[in-house]
C-alpha atoms as a PDB file:
ATOM      1  CA  MET A   1      -8.068  24.825 -11.863  1.00  0.00           C
ATOM      2  CA  ALA A   2      -6.303  22.194  -9.820  1.00  0.00           C
ATOM      3  CA  ALA A   3      -6.274  18.409  -9.857  1.00  0.00           C
ATOM      4  CA  ASN A   4      -7.144  16.521  -6.707  1.00  0.00           C
ATOM      5  CA  TYR A   5      -6.426  12.822  -6.188  1.00  0.00           C
ATOM      6  CA  ASN A   6      -8.077  12.306  -2.786  1.00  0.00           C
ATOM      7  CA  LYS A   7     -10.476   9.818  -4.351  1.00  0.00           C
ATOM      8  CA  LEU A   8      -7.515   7.687  -5.414  1.00  0.00           C
ATOM      9  CA  TRP A   9      -6.134   7.575  -1.878  1.00  0.00           C
ATOM     10  CA  LYS A  10      -9.572   6.631  -0.538  1.00  0.00           C
ATOM     11  CA  ILE A  11      -9.787   3.726  -3.000  1.00  0.00           C
ATOM     12  CA  LEU A  12      -6.379   2.500  -1.848  1.00  0.00           C
ATOM     13  CA  ILE A  13      -7.458   2.720   1.801  1.00  0.00           C
ATOM     14  CA  ASP A  14     -10.740   0.924   1.098  1.00  0.00           C
ATOM     15  CA  ARG A  15      -8.853  -1.874  -0.678  1.00  0.00           C
ATOM     16  CA  LYS A  16      -6.201  -2.009   2.054  1.00  0.00           C
ATOM     17  CA  MET A  17      -3.481  -1.155  -0.452  1.00  0.00           C
ATOM     18  CA  LYS A  18      -0.328   0.890   0.029  1.00  0.00           C
ATOM     19  CA  LYS A  19       1.039   3.418  -2.406  1.00  0.00           C
ATOM     20  CA  THR A  20       3.840   0.967  -3.169  1.00  0.00           C
ATOM     21  CA  ASP A  21       1.191  -1.570  -4.198  1.00  0.00           C
ATOM     22  CA  LEU A  22      -0.083   0.960  -6.724  1.00  0.00           C
ATOM     23  CA  ILE A  23       3.434   1.379  -8.117  1.00  0.00           C
ATOM     24  CA  GLU A  24       3.686  -2.346  -8.769  1.00  0.00           C
ATOM     25  CA  LEU A  25       0.105  -2.872  -9.934  1.00  0.00           C
ATOM     26  CA  ALA A  26      -0.140   0.089 -12.328  1.00  0.00           C
ATOM     27  CA  GLY A  27       3.528   0.225 -13.294  1.00  0.00           C
ATOM     28  CA  VAL A  28       4.008   3.852 -12.312  1.00  0.00           C
ATOM     29  CA  SER A  29       7.244   5.361 -11.052  1.00  0.00           C
ATOM     30  CA  THR A  30       7.967   6.809  -7.650  1.00  0.00           C
ATOM     31  CA  THR A  31       8.274  10.208  -9.335  1.00  0.00           C
ATOM     32  CA  THR A  32       4.740   9.878 -10.665  1.00  0.00           C
ATOM     33  CA  LEU A  33       3.507   8.831  -7.236  1.00  0.00           C
ATOM     34  CA  ALA A  34       5.153  11.921  -5.758  1.00  0.00           C
ATOM     35  CA  LYS A  35       3.341  14.105  -8.316  1.00  0.00           C
ATOM     36  CA  LEU A  36       0.039  12.468  -7.429  1.00  0.00           C
ATOM     37  CA  SER A  37       0.720  13.017  -3.729  1.00  0.00           C
ATOM     38  CA  LYS A  38       1.291  16.733  -4.404  1.00  0.00           C
ATOM     39  CA  ASP A  39      -1.869  16.981  -6.551  1.00  0.00           C
ATOM     40  CA  GLU A  40       0.213  17.824  -9.615  1.00  0.00           C
ATOM     41  CA  TYR A  41      -0.785  16.983 -13.159  1.00  0.00           C
ATOM     42  CA  VAL A  42       0.209  13.610 -14.628  1.00  0.00           C
ATOM     43  CA  SER A  43      -0.313  12.296 -18.139  1.00  0.00           C
ATOM     44  CA  MET A  44      -3.531  10.740 -19.317  1.00  0.00           C
ATOM     45  CA  GLU A  45      -1.589   7.528 -19.954  1.00  0.00           C
ATOM     46  CA  ILE A  46      -0.716   7.301 -16.249  1.00  0.00           C
ATOM     47  CA  LEU A  47      -4.320   7.905 -15.234  1.00  0.00           C
ATOM     48  CA  TYR A  48      -5.424   5.252 -17.738  1.00  0.00           C
ATOM     49  CA  ARG A  49      -3.001   2.677 -16.287  1.00  0.00           C
ATOM     50  CA  ILE A  50      -4.158   3.425 -12.754  1.00  0.00           C
ATOM     51  CA  CYS A  51      -7.822   3.131 -13.753  1.00  0.00           C
ATOM     52  CA  LYS A  52      -7.183  -0.096 -15.640  1.00  0.00           C
ATOM     53  CA  SER A  53      -5.295  -1.665 -12.754  1.00  0.00           C
ATOM     54  CA  LEU A  54      -7.925  -0.621 -10.184  1.00  0.00           C
ATOM     55  CA  ASN A  55     -10.838  -1.402 -12.530  1.00  0.00           C
ATOM     56  CA  CYS A  56     -12.399   2.049 -12.201  1.00  0.00           C
ATOM     57  CA  ASN A  57     -13.075   5.217 -14.194  1.00  0.00           C
ATOM     58  CA  ILE A  58     -11.096   8.446 -14.148  1.00  0.00           C
ATOM     59  CA  GLY A  59     -13.811  10.209 -12.152  1.00  0.00           C
ATOM     60  CA  ASP A  60     -13.336   7.592  -9.443  1.00  0.00           C
ATOM     61  CA  ILE A  61      -9.718   8.634  -8.821  1.00  0.00           C
ATOM     62  CA  THR A  62      -9.509  12.354  -9.561  1.00  0.00           C
ATOM     63  CA  GLU A  63     -11.495  15.529  -9.720  1.00  0.00           C
ATOM     64  CA  PHE A  64     -10.802  19.058 -10.847  1.00  0.00           C
ATOM     65  CA  ILE A  65     -11.226  21.947  -8.461  1.00  0.00           C
ATOM     66  CA  PHE A  66     -12.274  25.173 -10.174  1.00  0.00           C
ATOM     67  CA  GLU A  67     -11.360  28.305  -8.285  1.00  0.00           C
END
């Protein structure tokens, strides 16, 4: 099983936001952003902060790929 954050990047594009805007808005670190960019796992707290700042649900920003 792998995490995929393509939905998150699409939301940022649709809202004309940069990844650095997400850092400021959600209060995540550059290290966390790098993990998201590599489709690595991040904590539920991080996903919660991103969802809260973008006013969306977790299914709107990530999905799990079952092999």
